[in-house]
Amino acid sequence: MLQANSHGKVKEMNKLLALLFGLTLSLPSAHAEITSESFLFEVFDGCIEEPMEDTTLGAQLEYCACFTNLMSKEMTLEEATLLSLDIMAADDDEQGEKVLLANEKARKLIAQCMPRLYD
């Protein structure tokens, strides 16, 4: 289950790299919170597009909403961009998953939202 979810995050981060890079360059400094609606919708859409085995659509919607909401509050665009770059530098999806899970903030977000998949 985590592997499918993490693979989705790898795809999501790759998809968002260009958007993140552009947003980061257009801002004078990183904000303590991500407020870009287009960025947050991209995160949510990327999460929803990735199928999760043995999970109802409703549970997946709740998980993705939770992850997107917490990311908006606990990560900056700069942090998200750096994480995306690290994931893109990975040799394959498995290595990208390890990079994602090595990031303390991303791991915390996943852990906080994961119970929504099982409620």
N, C-alpha and C. Protein backbone atom coordinates (compact mmCIF):
# COMPACT_ATOMS: atom_id res chain seq x y z
N MET A 1 0.83 -1.19 0.00
CA MET A 1 0.00 0.00 0.00
C MET A 1 0.87 1.25 0.00
N LEU A 2 1.87 1.28 0.87
CA LEU A 2 2.74 2.46 0.94
C LEU A 2 3.50 2.63 -0.35
N GLN A 3 3.89 1.51 -0.96
CA GLN A 3 4.65 1.59 -2.20
C GLN A 3 3.81 2.25 -3.30
N ALA A 4 2.56 1.88 -3.44
CA ALA A 4 1.70 2.49 -4.45
C ALA A 4 1.52 3.97 -4.15
N ASN A 5 1.33 4.29 -2.87
CA ASN A 5 1.16 5.68 -2.46
C ASN A 5 2.43 6.47 -2.71
N SER A 6 3.57 5.92 -2.36
CA SER A 6 4.84 6.61 -2.54
C SER A 6 5.16 6.77 -4.01
N HIS A 7 4.86 5.75 -4.81
CA HIS A 7 5.07 5.86 -6.26
C HIS A 7 4.25 7.02 -6.80
N GLY A 8 3.05 7.19 -6.29
CA GLY A 8 2.21 8.30 -6.71
C GLY A 8 2.83 9.63 -6.35
N LYS A 9 3.45 9.68 -5.21
CA LYS A 9 4.12 10.91 -4.79
C LYS A 9 5.31 11.21 -5.68
N VAL A 10 6.02 10.17 -6.10
CA VAL A 10 7.16 10.36 -7.01
C VAL A 10 6.65 10.96 -8.32
N LYS A 11 5.59 10.36 -8.87
CA LYS A 11 5.02 10.89 -10.11
C LYS A 11 4.52 12.31 -9.91
N GLU A 12 3.88 12.54 -8.79
CA GLU A 12 3.33 13.85 -8.48
C GLU A 12 4.44 14.89 -8.40
N MET A 13 5.52 14.55 -7.72
CA MET A 13 6.63 15.50 -7.57
C MET A 13 7.28 15.78 -8.92
N ASN A 14 7.42 14.77 -9.74
CA ASN A 14 7.99 14.99 -11.07
C ASN A 14 7.11 15.93 -11.89
N LYS A 15 5.82 15.72 -11.82
CA LYS A 15 4.86 16.52 -12.57
C LYS A 15 4.89 17.98 -12.12
N LEU A 16 5.15 18.19 -10.85
CA LEU A 16 5.08 19.53 -10.29
C LEU A 16 6.38 20.31 -10.38
N LEU A 17 7.45 19.67 -10.80
CA LEU A 17 8.75 20.33 -10.79
C LEU A 17 8.73 21.65 -11.54
N ALA A 18 8.22 21.66 -12.75
CA ALA A 18 8.20 22.89 -13.54
C ALA A 18 7.37 23.97 -12.86
N LEU A 19 6.21 23.59 -12.36
CA LEU A 19 5.36 24.55 -11.66
C LEU A 19 6.05 25.11 -10.43
N LEU A 20 6.64 24.23 -9.64
CA LEU A 20 7.35 24.67 -8.44
C LEU A 20 8.50 25.60 -8.77
N PHE A 21 9.26 25.24 -9.78
CA PHE A 21 10.41 26.05 -10.16
C PHE A 21 9.95 27.45 -10.57
N GLY A 22 8.92 27.52 -11.37
CA GLY A 22 8.39 28.81 -11.81
C GLY A 22 7.85 29.63 -10.65
N LEU A 23 7.13 28.99 -9.76
CA LEU A 23 6.58 29.71 -8.61
C LEU A 23 7.68 30.20 -7.68
N THR A 24 8.70 29.38 -7.48
CA THR A 24 9.80 29.77 -6.60
C THR A 24 10.55 30.96 -7.18
N LEU A 25 10.77 30.97 -8.48
CA LEU A 25 11.47 32.08 -9.11
C LEU A 25 10.65 33.36 -9.07
N SER A 26 9.34 33.25 -9.10
CA SER A 26 8.50 34.43 -9.14
C SER A 26 8.27 35.05 -7.77
N LEU A 27 8.65 34.37 -6.72
CA LEU A 27 8.46 34.89 -5.37
C LEU A 27 9.75 35.51 -4.86
N PRO A 28 9.65 36.67 -4.19
CA PRO A 28 10.86 37.29 -3.66
C PRO A 28 11.51 36.45 -2.57
N SER A 29 10.72 35.75 -1.80
CA SER A 29 11.25 34.86 -0.77
C SER A 29 10.22 33.77 -0.49
N ALA A 30 10.69 32.68 0.08
CA ALA A 30 9.78 31.57 0.37
C ALA A 30 8.85 31.94 1.52
N HIS A 31 7.60 31.58 1.38
CA HIS A 31 6.63 31.85 2.44
C HIS A 31 6.63 30.69 3.42
N ALA A 32 6.16 30.96 4.64
CA ALA A 32 6.09 29.92 5.65
C ALA A 32 4.98 28.92 5.33
N GLU A 33 4.18 29.24 4.36
CA GLU A 33 3.02 28.43 4.01
C GLU A 33 2.83 28.50 2.50
N ILE A 34 2.37 27.41 1.91
CA ILE A 34 2.09 27.41 0.47
C ILE A 34 0.66 27.89 0.27
N THR A 35 0.51 28.99 -0.46
CA THR A 35 -0.82 29.56 -0.69
C THR A 35 -1.24 29.51 -2.15
N SER A 36 -0.39 29.02 -3.01
CA SER A 36 -0.70 28.97 -4.44
C SER A 36 -1.77 27.91 -4.71
N GLU A 37 -2.94 28.38 -5.15
CA GLU A 37 -4.03 27.44 -5.44
C GLU A 37 -3.65 26.48 -6.55
N SER A 38 -2.98 26.98 -7.59
CA SER A 38 -2.62 26.11 -8.71
C SER A 38 -1.67 25.00 -8.26
N PHE A 39 -0.72 25.34 -7.40
CA PHE A 39 0.20 24.32 -6.88
C PHE A 39 -0.55 23.28 -6.06
N LEU A 40 -1.41 23.75 -5.16
CA LEU A 40 -2.14 22.83 -4.28
C LEU A 40 -3.09 21.93 -5.07
N PHE A 41 -3.74 22.48 -6.10
CA PHE A 41 -4.60 21.65 -6.94
C PHE A 41 -3.79 20.61 -7.69
N GLU A 42 -2.59 20.97 -8.12
CA GLU A 42 -1.71 20.01 -8.81
C GLU A 42 -1.33 18.86 -7.87
N VAL A 43 -1.01 19.19 -6.62
CA VAL A 43 -0.68 18.16 -5.64
C VAL A 43 -1.87 17.23 -5.44
N PHE A 44 -3.04 17.83 -5.21
CA PHE A 44 -4.25 17.04 -4.98
C PHE A 44 -4.58 16.17 -6.19
N ASP A 45 -4.58 16.77 -7.38
CA ASP A 45 -4.89 16.01 -8.59
C ASP A 45 -3.90 14.88 -8.83
N GLY A 46 -2.62 15.15 -8.60
CA GLY A 46 -1.60 14.11 -8.76
C GLY A 46 -1.82 12.95 -7.80
N CYS A 47 -2.26 13.27 -6.60
CA CYS A 47 -2.53 12.24 -5.60
C CYS A 47 -3.75 11.40 -6.01
N ILE A 48 -4.80 12.04 -6.46
CA ILE A 48 -6.03 11.35 -6.85
C ILE A 48 -5.82 10.47 -8.08
N GLU A 49 -4.98 10.93 -9.00
CA GLU A 49 -4.75 10.18 -10.24
C GLU A 49 -4.05 8.84 -10.01
N GLU A 50 -3.36 8.71 -8.90
CA GLU A 50 -2.61 7.49 -8.62
C GLU A 50 -3.51 6.49 -7.90
N PRO A 51 -3.81 5.34 -8.53
CA PRO A 51 -4.68 4.36 -7.88
C PRO A 51 -4.05 3.78 -6.61
N MET A 52 -4.87 3.59 -5.61
CA MET A 52 -4.42 2.99 -4.35
C MET A 52 -5.17 1.69 -4.17
N GLU A 53 -4.44 0.60 -4.08
CA GLU A 53 -5.04 -0.72 -3.95
C GLU A 53 -5.81 -0.84 -2.64
N ASP A 54 -6.91 -1.58 -2.70
CA ASP A 54 -7.72 -1.89 -1.52
C ASP A 54 -8.17 -0.64 -0.77
N THR A 55 -8.40 0.44 -1.48
CA THR A 55 -8.83 1.68 -0.87
C THR A 55 -10.04 2.21 -1.64
N THR A 56 -11.05 2.65 -0.90
CA THR A 56 -12.21 3.24 -1.57
C THR A 56 -11.84 4.62 -2.09
N LEU A 57 -12.59 5.08 -3.08
CA LEU A 57 -12.34 6.41 -3.62
C LEU A 57 -12.53 7.47 -2.54
N GLY A 58 -13.53 7.30 -1.70
CA GLY A 58 -13.77 8.26 -0.62
C GLY A 58 -12.59 8.36 0.33
N ALA A 59 -12.02 7.21 0.70
CA ALA A 59 -10.85 7.21 1.59
C ALA A 59 -9.66 7.86 0.90
N GLN A 60 -9.50 7.60 -0.39
CA GLN A 60 -8.39 8.21 -1.13
C GLN A 60 -8.57 9.72 -1.21
N LEU A 61 -9.80 10.18 -1.44
CA LEU A 61 -10.07 11.62 -1.47
C LEU A 61 -9.71 12.26 -0.14
N GLU A 62 -10.09 11.60 0.96
CA GLU A 62 -9.77 12.13 2.29
C GLU A 62 -8.27 12.18 2.52
N TYR A 63 -7.57 11.11 2.13
CA TYR A 63 -6.12 11.07 2.29
C TYR A 63 -5.47 12.20 1.50
N CYS A 64 -5.85 12.33 0.24
CA CYS A 64 -5.23 13.34 -0.63
C CYS A 64 -5.53 14.76 -0.13
N ALA A 65 -6.75 14.98 0.34
CA ALA A 65 -7.10 16.29 0.89
C ALA A 65 -6.27 16.57 2.15
N CYS A 66 -6.12 15.57 2.99
CA CYS A 66 -5.32 15.71 4.21
C CYS A 66 -3.87 16.04 3.86
N PHE A 67 -3.28 15.28 2.95
CA PHE A 67 -1.89 15.49 2.57
C PHE A 67 -1.69 16.89 1.99
N THR A 68 -2.58 17.29 1.08
CA THR A 68 -2.47 18.60 0.45
C THR A 68 -2.63 19.72 1.48
N ASN A 69 -3.59 19.58 2.36
CA ASN A 69 -3.81 20.59 3.40
C ASN A 69 -2.60 20.73 4.32
N LEU A 70 -2.10 19.61 4.81
CA LEU A 70 -0.95 19.67 5.71
C LEU A 70 0.30 20.17 4.99
N MET A 71 0.48 19.77 3.74
CA MET A 71 1.62 20.26 2.97
C MET A 71 1.55 21.78 2.86
N SER A 72 0.36 22.31 2.62
CA SER A 72 0.21 23.76 2.47
C SER A 72 0.58 24.50 3.75
N LYS A 73 0.42 23.86 4.88
CA LYS A 73 0.69 24.50 6.17
C LYS A 73 2.09 24.25 6.69
N GLU A 74 2.71 23.14 6.30
CA GLU A 74 3.96 22.73 6.93
C GLU A 74 5.18 22.76 6.02
N MET A 75 5.00 23.02 4.72
CA MET A 75 6.14 23.09 3.81
C MET A 75 6.11 24.42 3.07
N THR A 76 7.29 24.89 2.71
CA THR A 76 7.39 26.07 1.86
C THR A 76 7.56 25.61 0.42
N LEU A 77 7.36 26.53 -0.51
CA LEU A 77 7.60 26.19 -1.91
C LEU A 77 9.05 25.79 -2.13
N GLU A 78 9.95 26.44 -1.43
CA GLU A 78 11.37 26.09 -1.57
C GLU A 78 11.62 24.66 -1.12
N GLU A 79 11.05 24.27 0.03
CA GLU A 79 11.22 22.90 0.52
C GLU A 79 10.63 21.89 -0.46
N ALA A 80 9.44 22.20 -0.97
CA ALA A 80 8.80 21.29 -1.92
C ALA A 80 9.62 21.18 -3.21
N THR A 81 10.19 22.29 -3.64
CA THR A 81 11.03 22.28 -4.84
C THR A 81 12.28 21.45 -4.62
N LEU A 82 12.93 21.64 -3.49
CA LEU A 82 14.14 20.86 -3.19
C LEU A 82 13.83 19.37 -3.12
N LEU A 83 12.72 19.03 -2.50
CA LEU A 83 12.31 17.62 -2.43
C LEU A 83 12.06 17.08 -3.83
N SER A 84 11.39 17.85 -4.66
CA SER A 84 11.13 17.43 -6.04
C SER A 84 12.42 17.19 -6.80
N LEU A 85 13.37 18.09 -6.64
CA LEU A 85 14.65 17.94 -7.33
C LEU A 85 15.39 16.69 -6.86
N ASP A 86 15.35 16.43 -5.56
CA ASP A 86 15.99 15.23 -5.02
C ASP A 86 15.34 13.96 -5.57
N ILE A 87 14.02 13.97 -5.66
CA ILE A 87 13.29 12.81 -6.18
C ILE A 87 13.61 12.62 -7.66
N MET A 88 13.66 13.73 -8.40
CA MET A 88 13.97 13.63 -9.83
C MET A 88 15.39 13.12 -10.07
N ALA A 89 16.29 13.40 -9.14
CA ALA A 89 17.68 12.95 -9.28
C ALA A 89 17.83 11.46 -8.98
N ALA A 90 16.80 10.85 -8.41
CA ALA A 90 16.85 9.43 -8.08
C ALA A 90 16.95 8.60 -9.35
N ASP A 91 17.62 7.46 -9.23
CA ASP A 91 17.84 6.57 -10.37
C ASP A 91 16.56 5.89 -10.87
N ASP A 92 15.64 5.60 -9.94
CA ASP A 92 14.41 4.91 -10.31
C ASP A 92 13.34 5.21 -9.28
N ASP A 93 12.13 4.65 -9.47
CA ASP A 93 11.01 4.92 -8.57
C ASP A 93 11.30 4.46 -7.14
N GLU A 94 11.97 3.33 -7.01
CA GLU A 94 12.29 2.82 -5.67
C GLU A 94 13.21 3.79 -4.93
N GLN A 95 14.21 4.29 -5.61
CA GLN A 95 15.12 5.26 -5.00
C GLN A 95 14.37 6.57 -4.71
N GLY A 96 13.48 6.97 -5.61
CA GLY A 96 12.67 8.17 -5.39
C GLY A 96 11.80 8.03 -4.15
N GLU A 97 11.26 6.82 -3.95
CA GLU A 97 10.46 6.55 -2.75
C GLU A 97 11.31 6.69 -1.50
N LYS A 98 12.54 6.20 -1.55
CA LYS A 98 13.44 6.32 -0.40
C LYS A 98 13.75 7.78 -0.11
N VAL A 99 13.94 8.57 -1.16
CA VAL A 99 14.21 10.01 -0.99
C VAL A 99 13.00 10.67 -0.31
N LEU A 100 11.81 10.35 -0.80
CA LEU A 100 10.59 10.91 -0.22
C LEU A 100 10.48 10.56 1.25
N LEU A 101 10.67 9.28 1.58
CA LEU A 101 10.52 8.83 2.96
C LEU A 101 11.67 9.29 3.86
N ALA A 102 12.79 9.67 3.28
CA ALA A 102 13.90 10.20 4.07
C ALA A 102 13.65 11.65 4.47
N ASN A 103 12.72 12.31 3.80
CA ASN A 103 12.39 13.69 4.12
C ASN A 103 11.46 13.70 5.33
N GLU A 104 11.93 14.28 6.42
CA GLU A 104 11.18 14.24 7.68
C GLU A 104 9.79 14.85 7.55
N LYS A 105 9.68 15.98 6.89
CA LYS A 105 8.37 16.62 6.76
C LYS A 105 7.41 15.78 5.92
N ALA A 106 7.89 15.25 4.81
CA ALA A 106 7.03 14.43 3.96
C ALA A 106 6.59 13.17 4.70
N ARG A 107 7.52 12.55 5.42
CA ARG A 107 7.20 11.34 6.19
C ARG A 107 6.14 11.65 7.25
N LYS A 108 6.26 12.81 7.89
CA LYS A 108 5.30 13.21 8.92
C LYS A 108 3.91 13.42 8.30
N LEU A 109 3.85 14.05 7.13
CA LEU A 109 2.57 14.27 6.46
C LEU A 109 1.91 12.94 6.10
N ILE A 110 2.70 12.03 5.54
CA ILE A 110 2.18 10.72 5.17
C ILE A 110 1.64 10.00 6.41
N ALA A 111 2.41 10.03 7.50
CA ALA A 111 2.00 9.34 8.73
C ALA A 111 0.72 9.94 9.31
N GLN A 112 0.58 11.25 9.24
CA GLN A 112 -0.62 11.90 9.78
C GLN A 112 -1.86 11.59 8.95
N CYS A 113 -1.69 11.41 7.66
CA CYS A 113 -2.84 11.21 6.78
C CYS A 113 -3.17 9.75 6.51
N MET A 114 -2.21 8.87 6.68
CA MET A 114 -2.40 7.45 6.37
C MET A 114 -3.61 6.83 7.08
N PRO A 115 -3.89 7.16 8.35
CA PRO A 115 -5.06 6.55 9.00
C PRO A 115 -6.37 6.80 8.27
N ARG A 116 -6.45 7.85 7.48
CA ARG A 116 -7.68 8.15 6.73
C ARG A 116 -7.97 7.07 5.69
N LEU A 117 -6.95 6.34 5.29
CA LEU A 117 -7.16 5.26 4.32
C LEU A 117 -7.80 4.04 4.96
N TYR A 118 -7.78 3.98 6.28
CA TYR A 118 -8.26 2.78 6.97
C TYR A 118 -9.46 3.04 7.87
N ASP A 119 -9.96 4.26 7.91
CA ASP A 119 -11.14 4.57 8.75
C ASP A 119 -12.40 4.04 8.13
